[in-house]
Amino acid sequence: MSDFKTNEYANLIGGAQFEPKEENPMLGFRGASRYYNPRYREGFGLECQAIKRVREKMGFDNVLVMIPFCRTTDEADKVLKVMAKRGFTVAKRGFNST
């Protein structure tokens, strides 16, 4: 999954109007903390759709998901809950999707 920092998203076309300014983007709104936040809900949804397409339609079931910059187990649980709402569940080969 993506792990852009706020300053990296802000440098994309149109990104500055959506991204918060942070003193230290290395530790801020990035990775796992972004995925369960309502501000990035649609972006994370697109990332999930892309993984589903690669695995299910293109047949690359060896593609697995890595959640970057996950600080705590609570944060991991929040991300997994959001993924479950999008049809992904943890399984032996990384996850199942419905």
Protein backbone atom coordinates (compact mmCIF):
# COMPACT_ATOMS: atom_id res chain seq x y z
CA MET A 1 0.00 0.00 0.00
CA SER A 2 1.11 3.59 -0.40
CA ASP A 3 3.31 5.28 2.16
CA PHE A 4 3.53 8.83 0.87
CA LYS A 5 4.17 11.50 3.44
CA THR A 6 2.02 14.64 3.53
CA ASN A 7 4.69 16.73 1.81
CA GLU A 8 4.93 14.12 -0.99
CA TYR A 9 1.16 14.13 -1.57
CA ALA A 10 1.19 17.94 -1.38
CA ASN A 11 3.76 18.06 -4.19
CA LEU A 12 1.43 16.19 -6.57
CA ILE A 13 -0.82 18.23 -8.85
CA GLY A 14 -3.64 19.60 -6.69
CA GLY A 15 -2.28 17.90 -3.58
CA ALA A 16 -1.52 21.05 -1.60
CA GLN A 17 -5.22 21.86 -1.22
CA PHE A 18 -5.91 18.51 0.50
CA GLU A 19 -2.86 17.82 2.65
CA PRO A 20 -2.23 19.19 6.13
CA LYS A 21 1.02 21.02 6.81
CA GLU A 22 3.17 19.07 9.26
CA GLU A 23 6.39 19.99 11.00
CA ASN A 24 7.67 16.43 10.65
CA PRO A 25 5.99 14.52 7.80
CA MET A 26 8.16 11.47 8.57
CA LEU A 27 6.12 10.84 11.72
CA GLY A 28 2.76 12.32 10.81
CA PHE A 29 -0.24 11.43 8.67
CA ARG A 30 1.15 8.52 6.67
CA GLY A 31 0.91 4.76 6.28
CA ALA A 32 -1.53 3.00 8.57
CA SER A 33 -2.74 6.17 10.30
CA ARG A 34 -4.01 7.42 6.95
CA TYR A 35 -5.90 4.24 6.04
CA TYR A 36 -8.46 4.34 8.86
CA ASN A 37 -8.84 8.11 8.82
CA PRO A 38 -12.03 9.45 7.18
CA ARG A 39 -9.96 12.04 5.27
CA TYR A 40 -8.30 9.28 3.23
CA ARG A 41 -11.24 6.86 3.03
CA GLU A 42 -11.71 7.21 -0.72
CA GLY A 43 -7.98 6.96 -1.48
CA PHE A 44 -7.62 3.81 0.58
CA GLY A 45 -10.70 2.42 -1.13
CA LEU A 46 -9.00 2.89 -4.49
CA GLU A 47 -5.88 1.14 -3.22
CA CYS A 48 -8.00 -1.80 -2.04
CA GLN A 49 -9.78 -1.97 -5.42
CA ALA A 50 -6.43 -2.06 -7.19
CA ILE A 51 -5.22 -4.98 -5.06
CA LYS A 52 -8.48 -6.86 -5.64
CA ARG A 53 -8.15 -6.34 -9.39
CA VAL A 54 -4.54 -7.52 -9.48
CA ARG A 55 -5.37 -10.63 -7.43
CA GLU A 56 -8.78 -11.60 -8.81
CA LYS A 57 -8.99 -10.32 -12.39
CA MET A 58 -5.35 -10.46 -13.37
CA GLY A 59 -4.72 -13.70 -11.47
CA PHE A 60 -1.72 -12.57 -9.42
CA ASP A 61 -2.81 -14.22 -6.17
CA ASN A 62 0.77 -14.11 -4.95
CA VAL A 63 0.47 -10.33 -4.45
CA LEU A 64 0.15 -9.64 -0.74
CA VAL A 65 -0.62 -6.50 1.23
CA MET A 66 1.90 -4.75 3.45
CA ILE A 67 0.61 -1.97 5.69
CA PRO A 68 3.47 0.50 6.10
CA PHE A 69 4.34 2.56 9.15
CA CYS A 70 1.98 0.77 11.51
CA ARG A 71 2.83 2.08 14.97
CA THR A 72 0.68 -0.06 17.28
CA THR A 73 -1.43 -3.22 17.28
CA ASP A 74 -4.48 -1.00 17.86
CA GLU A 75 -3.65 0.84 14.65
CA ALA A 76 -3.30 -2.49 12.82
CA ASP A 77 -6.71 -3.58 14.11
CA LYS A 78 -8.27 -0.34 12.85
CA VAL A 79 -6.80 -0.85 9.38
CA LEU A 80 -7.95 -4.49 9.28
CA LYS A 81 -11.45 -3.38 10.26
CA VAL A 82 -11.55 -0.87 7.40
CA MET A 83 -10.26 -3.54 5.01
CA ALA A 84 -12.92 -5.98 6.22
CA LYS A 85 -15.60 -3.41 5.36
CA ARG A 86 -14.15 -3.41 1.84
CA GLY A 87 -14.36 -7.21 1.61
CA PHE A 88 -10.85 -8.21 2.72
CA THR A 89 -10.23 -10.68 5.51
CA VAL A 90 -6.97 -12.06 6.84
CA ALA A 91 -6.17 -15.55 5.53
CA LYS A 92 -3.24 -17.91 5.17
CA ARG A 93 -2.07 -16.39 1.86
CA GLY A 94 -2.32 -12.80 3.10
CA PHE A 95 -6.05 -12.11 2.81
CA ASN A 96 -9.24 -13.19 1.10
CA SER A 97 -11.46 -10.79 -0.74
CA THR A 98 -15.17 -11.00 -1.43
